[in-house]
PDB file of all heavy atoms in Angstrom:
ATOM      1  N   GLU A   1      98.407  90.690  83.021  1.00  0.00           N
ATOM      2  CA  GLU A   1      99.115  89.501  82.544  1.00  0.00           C
ATOM      3  C   GLU A   1      98.685  88.302  83.383  1.00  0.00           C
ATOM      4  O   GLU A   1      99.160  88.104  84.495  1.00  0.00           O
ATOM      5  CB  GLU A   1     100.620  89.719  82.629  1.00  0.00           C
ATOM      6  CG  GLU A   1     101.133  90.851  81.743  1.00  0.00           C
ATOM      7  CD  GLU A   1     102.602  91.156  81.976  1.00  0.00           C
ATOM      8  OE1 GLU A   1     103.258  90.407  82.748  1.00  0.00           O
ATOM      9  OE2 GLU A   1     103.097  92.146  81.413  1.00  0.00           O
ATOM     10  N   ASP A   2      97.792  87.529  82.854  1.00  0.00           N
ATOM     11  CA  ASP A   2      97.228  86.381  83.570  1.00  0.00           C
ATOM     12  C   ASP A   2      96.965  85.285  82.540  1.00  0.00           C
ATOM     13  O   ASP A   2      96.005  85.356  81.774  1.00  0.00           O
ATOM     14  CB  ASP A   2      95.934  86.789  84.284  1.00  0.00           C
ATOM     15  CG  ASP A   2      95.229  85.607  84.941  1.00  0.00           C
ATOM     16  OD1 ASP A   2      95.883  84.562  85.137  1.00  0.00           O
ATOM     17  OD2 ASP A   2      94.036  85.742  85.245  1.00  0.00           O
ATOM     18  N   ASP A   3      97.815  84.269  82.520  1.00  0.00           N
ATOM     19  CA  ASP A   3      97.666  83.210  81.519  1.00  0.00           C
ATOM     20  C   ASP A   3      97.154  81.908  82.119  1.00  0.00           C
ATOM     21  O   ASP A   3      97.302  80.838  81.525  1.00  0.00           O
ATOM     22  CB  ASP A   3      98.993  82.964  80.798  1.00  0.00           C
ATOM     23  CG  ASP A   3     100.108  82.545  81.762  1.00  0.00           C
ATOM     24  OD1 ASP A   3      99.839  82.433  82.978  1.00  0.00           O
ATOM     25  OD2 ASP A   3     101.248  82.349  81.290  1.00  0.00           O
ATOM     26  N   ARG A   4      96.516  81.982  83.283  1.00  0.00           N
ATOM     27  CA  ARG A   4      95.972  80.764  83.889  1.00  0.00           C
ATOM     28  C   ARG A   4      94.917  80.141  82.972  1.00  0.00           C
ATOM     29  O   ARG A   4      94.006  80.831  82.507  1.00  0.00           O
ATOM     30  CB  ARG A   4      95.320  81.071  85.238  1.00  0.00           C
ATOM     31  CG  ARG A   4      96.278  81.484  86.337  1.00  0.00           C
ATOM     32  CD  ARG A   4      95.500  81.930  87.563  1.00  0.00           C
ATOM     33  NE  ARG A   4      94.687  83.102  87.280  1.00  0.00           N
ATOM     34  CZ  ARG A   4      93.554  83.400  87.912  1.00  0.00           C
ATOM     35  NH1 ARG A   4      93.071  82.593  88.833  1.00  0.00           N
ATOM     36  NH2 ARG A   4      92.902  84.503  87.600  1.00  0.00           N
ATOM     37  N   PRO A   5      95.001  78.841  82.735  1.00  0.00           N
ATOM     38  CA  PRO A   5      93.995  78.187  81.888  1.00  0.00           C
ATOM     39  C   PRO A   5      92.739  77.843  82.690  1.00  0.00           C
ATOM     40  O   PRO A   5      92.757  77.779  83.920  1.00  0.00           O
ATOM     41  CB  PRO A   5      94.707  76.905  81.436  1.00  0.00           C
ATOM     42  CG  PRO A   5      95.599  76.571  82.606  1.00  0.00           C
ATOM     43  CD  PRO A   5      96.070  77.911  83.151  1.00  0.00           C
ATOM     44  N   VAL A   6      91.662  77.631  81.979  1.00  0.00           N
ATOM     45  CA  VAL A   6      90.447  77.085  82.583  1.00  0.00           C
ATOM     46  C   VAL A   6      90.631  75.576  82.669  1.00  0.00           C
ATOM     47  O   VAL A   6      90.905  74.910  81.675  1.00  0.00           O
ATOM     48  CB  VAL A   6      89.204  77.420  81.737  1.00  0.00           C
ATOM     49  CG1 VAL A   6      87.972  76.728  82.305  1.00  0.00           C
ATOM     50  CG2 VAL A   6      89.001  78.922  81.684  1.00  0.00           C
ATOM     51  N   VAL A   7      90.504  75.035  83.872  1.00  0.00           N
ATOM     52  CA  VAL A   7      90.719  73.602  84.068  1.00  0.00           C
ATOM     53  C   VAL A   7      89.537  73.018  84.824  1.00  0.00           C
ATOM     54  O   VAL A   7      88.900  73.690  85.634  1.00  0.00           O
ATOM     55  CB  VAL A   7      92.022  73.322  84.846  1.00  0.00           C
ATOM     56  CG1 VAL A   7      93.233  73.760  84.041  1.00  0.00           C
ATOM     57  CG2 VAL A   7      92.012  74.012  86.204  1.00  0.00           C
ATOM     58  N   VAL A   8      89.242  71.783  84.546  1.00  0.00           N
ATOM     59  CA  VAL A   8      88.201  71.065  85.275  1.00  0.00           C
ATOM     60  C   VAL A   8      88.859  70.535  86.538  1.00  0.00           C
ATOM     61  O   VAL A   8      89.594  69.554  86.498  1.00  0.00           O
ATOM     62  CB  VAL A   8      87.606  69.920  84.439  1.00  0.00           C
ATOM     63  CG1 VAL A   8      86.506  69.211  85.223  1.00  0.00           C
ATOM     64  CG2 VAL A   8      87.068  70.458  83.122  1.00  0.00           C
ATOM     65  N   GLU A   9      88.616  71.216  87.659  1.00  0.00           N
ATOM     66  CA  GLU A   9      89.320  70.896  88.887  1.00  0.00           C
ATOM     67  C   GLU A   9      88.726  69.700  89.590  1.00  0.00           C
ATOM     68  O   GLU A   9      87.523  69.457  89.547  1.00  0.00           O
ATOM     69  CB  GLU A   9      89.299  72.095  89.835  1.00  0.00           C
ATOM     70  CG  GLU A   9      90.070  73.293  89.303  1.00  0.00           C
ATOM     71  CD  GLU A   9      90.133  74.412  90.309  1.00  0.00           C
ATOM     72  OE1 GLU A   9      89.211  74.505  91.148  1.00  0.00           O
ATOM     73  OE2 GLU A   9      91.095  75.190  90.266  1.00  0.00           O
ATOM     74  N   ARG A  10      89.611  68.976  90.280  1.00  0.00           N
ATOM     75  CA  ARG A  10      89.154  67.890  91.132  1.00  0.00           C
ATOM     76  C   ARG A  10      88.619  68.453  92.443  1.00  0.00           C
ATOM     77  O   ARG A  10      88.950  69.569  92.830  1.00  0.00           O
ATOM     78  CB  ARG A  10      90.302  66.915  91.405  1.00  0.00           C
ATOM     79  CG  ARG A  10      90.650  66.046  90.221  1.00  0.00           C
ATOM     80  CD  ARG A  10      91.824  65.153  90.515  1.00  0.00           C
ATOM     81  NE  ARG A  10      93.062  65.916  90.478  1.00  0.00           N
ATOM     82  CZ  ARG A  10      94.267  65.364  90.629  1.00  0.00           C
ATOM     83  NH1 ARG A  10      94.376  64.072  90.832  1.00  0.00           N
ATOM     84  NH2 ARG A  10      95.350  66.108  90.590  1.00  0.00           N
ATOM     85  N   GLU A  11      87.840  67.644  93.116  1.00  0.00           N
ATOM     86  CA  GLU A  11      87.216  68.087  94.367  1.00  0.00           C
ATOM     87  C   GLU A  11      88.278  68.425  95.407  1.00  0.00           C
ATOM     88  O   GLU A  11      89.255  67.706  95.585  1.00  0.00           O
ATOM     89  CB  GLU A  11      86.311  66.981  94.903  1.00  0.00           C
ATOM     90  CG  GLU A  11      85.554  67.356  96.154  1.00  0.00           C
ATOM     91  CD  GLU A  11      84.653  66.245  96.629  1.00  0.00           C
ATOM     92  OE1 GLU A  11      84.692  65.164  96.034  1.00  0.00           O
ATOM     93  OE2 GLU A  11      83.921  66.462  97.604  1.00  0.00           O
ATOM     94  N   ALA A  12      88.100  69.544  96.074  1.00  0.00           N
ATOM     95  CA  ALA A  12      89.054  69.966  97.097  1.00  0.00           C
ATOM     96  C   ALA A  12      89.031  69.008  98.284  1.00  0.00           C
ATOM     97  O   ALA A  12      87.979  68.536  98.701  1.00  0.00           O
ATOM     98  CB  ALA A  12      88.715  71.377  97.575  1.00  0.00           C
ATOM     99  N   LYS A  13      90.217  68.710  98.805  1.00  0.00           N
ATOM    100  CA  LYS A  13      90.335  67.851  99.976  1.00  0.00           C
ATOM    101  C   LYS A  13      90.419  68.661 101.261  1.00  0.00           C
ATOM    102  O   LYS A  13      90.098  68.175 102.334  1.00  0.00           O
ATOM    103  CB  LYS A  13      91.587  66.972  99.861  1.00  0.00           C
ATOM    104  CG  LYS A  13      91.654  66.129  98.594  1.00  0.00           C
ATOM    105  CD  LYS A  13      90.544  65.094  98.534  1.00  0.00           C
ATOM    106  CE  LYS A  13      90.717  64.228  97.285  1.00  0.00           C
ATOM    107  NZ  LYS A  13      89.601  63.290  97.101  1.00  0.00           N
ATOM    108  N   SER A  14      90.900  69.903 101.147  1.00  0.00           N
ATOM    109  CA  SER A  14      91.045  70.745 102.327  1.00  0.00           C
ATOM    110  C   SER A  14      91.055  72.209 101.895  1.00  0.00           C
ATOM    111  O   SER A  14      91.239  72.519 100.718  1.00  0.00           O
ATOM    112  CB  SER A  14      92.345  70.408 103.074  1.00  0.00           C
ATOM    113  OG  SER A  14      93.469  70.690 102.257  1.00  0.00           O
ATOM    114  N   ILE A  15      90.848  73.087 102.869  1.00  0.00           N
ATOM    115  CA  ILE A  15      90.897  74.533 102.646  1.00  0.00           C
ATOM    116  C   ILE A  15      91.691  75.125 103.796  1.00  0.00           C
ATOM    117  O   ILE A  15      91.476  74.770 104.958  1.00  0.00           O
ATOM    118  CB  ILE A  15      89.485  75.150 102.622  1.00  0.00           C
ATOM    119  CG1 ILE A  15      88.620  74.493 101.544  1.00  0.00           C
ATOM    120  CG2 ILE A  15      89.564  76.653 102.376  1.00  0.00           C
ATOM    121  CD1 ILE A  15      87.168  74.954 101.577  1.00  0.00           C
ATOM    122  N   SER A  16      92.610  76.025 103.485  1.00  0.00           N
ATOM    123  CA  SER A  16      93.407  76.616 104.558  1.00  0.00           C
ATOM    124  C   SER A  16      93.778  78.051 104.218  1.00  0.00           C
ATOM    125  O   SER A  16      93.701  78.481 103.071  1.00  0.00           O
ATOM    126  CB  SER A  16      94.685  75.799 104.798  1.00  0.00           C
ATOM    127  OG  SER A  16      95.504  75.804 103.644  1.00  0.00           O
ATOM    128  N   VAL A  17      94.175  78.773 105.246  1.00  0.00           N
ATOM    129  CA  VAL A  17      94.634  80.151 105.083  1.00  0.00           C
ATOM    130  C   VAL A  17      95.738  80.373 106.111  1.00  0.00           C
ATOM    131  O   VAL A  17      95.726  79.773 107.195  1.00  0.00           O
ATOM    132  CB  VAL A  17      93.471  81.152 105.289  1.00  0.00           C
ATOM    133  CG1 VAL A  17      92.916  81.061 106.693  1.00  0.00           C
ATOM    134  CG2 VAL A  17      93.920  82.569 104.982  1.00  0.00           C
ATOM    135  N   GLU A  18      96.722  81.184 105.762  1.00  0.00           N
ATOM    136  CA  GLU A  18      97.782  81.477 106.723  1.00  0.00           C
ATOM    137  C   GLU A  18      98.217  82.920 106.570  1.00  0.00           C
ATOM    138  O   GLU A  18      98.023  83.543 105.521  1.00  0.00           O
ATOM    139  CB  GLU A  18      98.960  80.531 106.552  1.00  0.00           C
ATOM    140  CG  GLU A  18      99.584  80.513 105.186  1.00  0.00           C
ATOM    141  CD  GLU A  18     100.633  79.409 105.053  1.00  0.00           C
ATOM    142  OE1 GLU A  18     100.419  78.294 105.568  1.00  0.00           O
ATOM    143  OE2 GLU A  18     101.672  79.677 104.416  1.00  0.00           O
ATOM    144  N   GLN A  19      98.817  83.456 107.628  1.00  0.00           N
ATOM    145  CA  GLN A  19      99.244  84.843 107.660  1.00  0.00           C
ATOM    146  C   GLN A  19     100.679  84.917 108.179  1.00  0.00           C
ATOM    147  O   GLN A  19     100.992  84.356 109.235  1.00  0.00           O
ATOM    148  CB  GLN A  19      98.327  85.666 108.568  1.00  0.00           C
ATOM    149  CG  GLN A  19      98.731  87.117 108.711  1.00  0.00           C
ATOM    150  CD  GLN A  19      98.574  87.893 107.415  1.00  0.00           C
ATOM    151  OE1 GLN A  19      97.564  87.788 106.740  1.00  0.00           O
ATOM    152  NE2 GLN A  19      99.584  88.669 107.058  1.00  0.00           N
ATOM    153  N   THR A  20     101.558  85.570 107.415  1.00  0.00           N
ATOM    154  CA  THR A  20     102.923  85.833 107.856  1.00  0.00           C
ATOM    155  C   THR A  20     102.979  87.249 108.421  1.00  0.00           C
ATOM    156  O   THR A  20     102.534  88.197 107.782  1.00  0.00           O
ATOM    157  CB  THR A  20     103.913  85.685 106.690  1.00  0.00           C
ATOM    158  OG1 THR A  20     103.838  84.349 106.176  1.00  0.00           O
ATOM    159  CG2 THR A  20     105.337  85.949 107.168  1.00  0.00           C
ATOM    160  N   PHE A  21     103.541  87.384 109.620  1.00  0.00           N
ATOM    161  CA  PHE A  21     103.565  88.671 110.315  1.00  0.00           C
ATOM    162  C   PHE A  21     104.875  89.404 110.028  1.00  0.00           C
ATOM    163  O   PHE A  21     105.926  88.787 109.831  1.00  0.00           O
ATOM    164  CB  PHE A  21     103.410  88.465 111.819  1.00  0.00           C
ATOM    165  CG  PHE A  21     102.231  87.604 112.182  1.00  0.00           C
ATOM    166  CD1 PHE A  21     102.404  86.398 112.838  1.00  0.00           C
ATOM    167  CD2 PHE A  21     100.940  87.992 111.841  1.00  0.00           C
ATOM    168  CE1 PHE A  21     101.323  85.597 113.168  1.00  0.00           C
ATOM    169  CE2 PHE A  21      99.856  87.199 112.162  1.00  0.00           C
ATOM    170  CZ  PHE A  21     100.043  85.993 112.822  1.00  0.00           C
ATOM    171  N   GLU A  22     104.811  90.725 110.046  1.00  0.00           N
ATOM    172  CA  GLU A  22     106.013  91.527 109.816  1.00  0.00           C
ATOM    173  C   GLU A  22     107.005  91.367 110.955  1.00  0.00           C
ATOM    174  O   GLU A  22     108.225  91.399 110.740  1.00  0.00           O
ATOM    175  CB  GLU A  22     105.633  92.992 109.638  1.00  0.00           C
ATOM    176  CG  GLU A  22     104.849  93.280 108.367  1.00  0.00           C
ATOM    177  CD  GLU A  22     104.637  94.765 108.152  1.00  0.00           C
ATOM    178  OE1 GLU A  22     105.280  95.566 108.858  1.00  0.00           O
ATOM    179  OE2 GLU A  22     103.836  95.117 107.275  1.00  0.00           O
ATOM    180  N   THR A  23     106.509  91.216 112.189  1.00  0.00           N
ATOM    181  CA  THR A  23     107.369  90.946 113.343  1.00  0.00           C
ATOM    182  C   THR A  23     106.782  89.764 114.101  1.00  0.00           C
ATOM    183  O   THR A  23     105.574  89.529 114.074  1.00  0.00           O
ATOM    184  CB  THR A  23     107.447  92.169 114.281  1.00  0.00           C
ATOM    185  OG1 THR A  23     106.116  92.511 114.723  1.00  0.00           O
ATOM    186  CG2 THR A  23     108.045  93.367 113.558  1.00  0.00           C
ATOM    187  N   ASP A  24     107.635  89.001 114.761  1.00  0.00           N
ATOM    188  CA  ASP A  24     107.169  87.830 115.503  1.00  0.00           C
ATOM    189  C   ASP A  24     106.203  88.251 116.603  1.00  0.00           C
ATOM    190  O   ASP A  24     106.417  89.267 117.278  1.00  0.00           O
ATOM    191  CB  ASP A  24     108.348  87.081 116.116  1.00  0.00           C
ATOM    192  CG  ASP A  24     109.272  86.495 115.056  1.00  0.00           C
ATOM    193  OD1 ASP A  24     108.893  86.537 113.870  1.00  0.00           O
ATOM    194  OD2 ASP A  24     110.351  85.990 115.410  1.00  0.00           O
ATOM    195  N   ILE A  25     105.140  87.471 116.794  1.00  0.00           N
ATOM    196  CA  ILE A  25     104.090  87.803 117.758  1.00  0.00           C
ATOM    197  C   ILE A  25     104.114  86.802 118.909  1.00  0.00           C
ATOM    198  O   ILE A  25     104.102  85.570 118.684  1.00  0.00           O
ATOM    199  CB  ILE A  25     102.712  87.812 117.082  1.00  0.00           C
ATOM    200  CG1 ILE A  25     102.644  88.935 116.037  1.00  0.00           C
ATOM    201  CG2 ILE A  25     101.602  87.981 118.116  1.00  0.00           C
ATOM    202  CD1 ILE A  25     101.339  89.005 115.287  1.00  0.00           C
ATOM    203  N   THR A  26     104.126  87.321 120.123  1.00  0.00           N
ATOM    204  CA  THR A  26     104.074  86.477 121.318  1.00  0.00           C
ATOM    205  C   THR A  26     102.772  86.634 122.079  1.00  0.00           C
ATOM    206  O   THR A  26     102.477  85.838 122.972  1.00  0.00           O
ATOM    207  CB  THR A  26     105.239  86.829 122.267  1.00  0.00           C
ATOM    208  OG1 THR A  26     105.129  88.214 122.632  1.00  0.00           O
ATOM    209  CG2 THR A  26     106.586  86.595 121.591  1.00  0.00           C
ATOM    210  N   ASP A  27     101.988  87.647 121.757  1.00  0.00           N
ATOM    211  CA  ASP A  27     100.744  87.947 122.471  1.00  0.00           C
ATOM    212  C   ASP A  27      99.654  86.985 122.008  1.00  0.00           C
ATOM    213  O   ASP A  27      99.199  87.026 120.859  1.00  0.00           O
ATOM    214  CB  ASP A  27     100.328  89.388 122.196  1.00  0.00           C
ATOM    215  CG  ASP A  27      99.163  89.843 123.061  1.00  0.00           C
ATOM    216  OD1 ASP A  27      98.315  88.991 123.417  1.00  0.00           O
ATOM    217  OD2 ASP A  27      99.083  91.046 123.354  1.00  0.00           O
ATOM    218  N   ARG A  28      99.235  86.116 122.899  1.00  0.00           N
ATOM    219  CA  ARG A  28      98.239  85.097 122.528  1.00  0.00           C
ATOM    220  C   ARG A  28      96.904  85.744 122.137  1.00  0.00           C
ATOM    221  O   ARG A  28      96.200  85.241 121.260  1.00  0.00           O
ATOM    222  CB  ARG A  28      98.037  84.109 123.678  1.00  0.00           C
ATOM    223  CG  ARG A  28      97.222  82.878 123.297  1.00  0.00           C
ATOM    224  CD  ARG A  28      97.192  81.864 124.430  1.00  0.00           C
ATOM    225  NE  ARG A  28      98.491  81.295 124.678  1.00  0.00           N
ATOM    226  CZ  ARG A  28      98.990  80.255 124.014  1.00  0.00           C
ATOM    227  NH1 ARG A  28      98.268  79.692 123.037  1.00  0.00           N
ATOM    228  NH2 ARG A  28     100.181  79.768 124.305  1.00  0.00           N
ATOM    229  N   ALA A  29      96.554  86.861 122.744  1.00  0.00           N
ATOM    230  CA  ALA A  29      95.292  87.526 122.398  1.00  0.00           C
ATOM    231  C   ALA A  29      95.327  88.015 120.954  1.00  0.00           C
ATOM    232  O   ALA A  29      94.331  87.933 120.234  1.00  0.00           O
ATOM    233  CB  ALA A  29      95.024  88.687 123.355  1.00  0.00           C
ATOM    234  N   VAL A  30      96.475  88.544 120.527  1.00  0.00           N
ATOM    235  CA  VAL A  30      96.606  88.991 119.142  1.00  0.00           C
ATOM    236  C   VAL A  30      96.493  87.798 118.198  1.00  0.00           C
ATOM    237  O   VAL A  30      95.817  87.858 117.161  1.00  0.00           O
ATOM    238  CB  VAL A  30      97.947  89.722 118.937  1.00  0.00           C
ATOM    239  CG1 VAL A  30      98.176  90.027 117.457  1.00  0.00           C
ATOM    240  CG2 VAL A  30      97.979  91.007 119.755  1.00  0.00           C
ATOM    241  N   LEU A  31      97.138  86.695 118.551  1.00  0.00           N
ATOM    242  CA  LEU A  31      97.077  85.496 117.713  1.00  0.00           C
ATOM    243  C   LEU A  31      95.649  84.958 117.627  1.00  0.00           C
ATOM    244  O   LEU A  31      95.202  84.529 116.559  1.00  0.00           O
ATOM    245  CB  LEU A  31      98.022  84.429 118.263  1.00  0.00           C
ATOM    246  CG  LEU A  31      99.514  84.773 118.197  1.00  0.00           C
ATOM    247  CD1 LEU A  31     100.333  83.761 118.989  1.00  0.00           C
ATOM    248  CD2 LEU A  31      99.983  84.844 116.755  1.00  0.00           C
ATOM    249  N   GLU A  32      94.925  84.999 118.738  1.00  0.00           N
ATOM    250  CA  GLU A  32      93.539  84.533 118.699  1.00  0.00           C
ATOM    251  C   GLU A  32      92.668  85.467 117.866  1.00  0.00           C
ATOM    252  O   GLU A  32      91.712  85.027 117.230  1.00  0.00           O
ATOM    253  CB  GLU A  32      92.997  84.401 120.125  1.00  0.00           C
ATOM    254  CG  GLU A  32      93.629  83.244 120.892  1.00  0.00           C
ATOM    255  CD  GLU A  32      92.974  83.000 122.234  1.00  0.00           C
ATOM    256  OE1 GLU A  32      92.107  83.816 122.629  1.00  0.00           O
ATOM    257  OE2 GLU A  32      93.310  81.993 122.885  1.00  0.00           O
TER     258      GLU A  32
END
């Protein structure tokens, strides 16, 4: 079930990625 249309997209201004952790992380080495 995927009804996304084909669209003529505008140029991207930025690219990003993020990760939510199952438990809060305090270890800087793990974060790096």
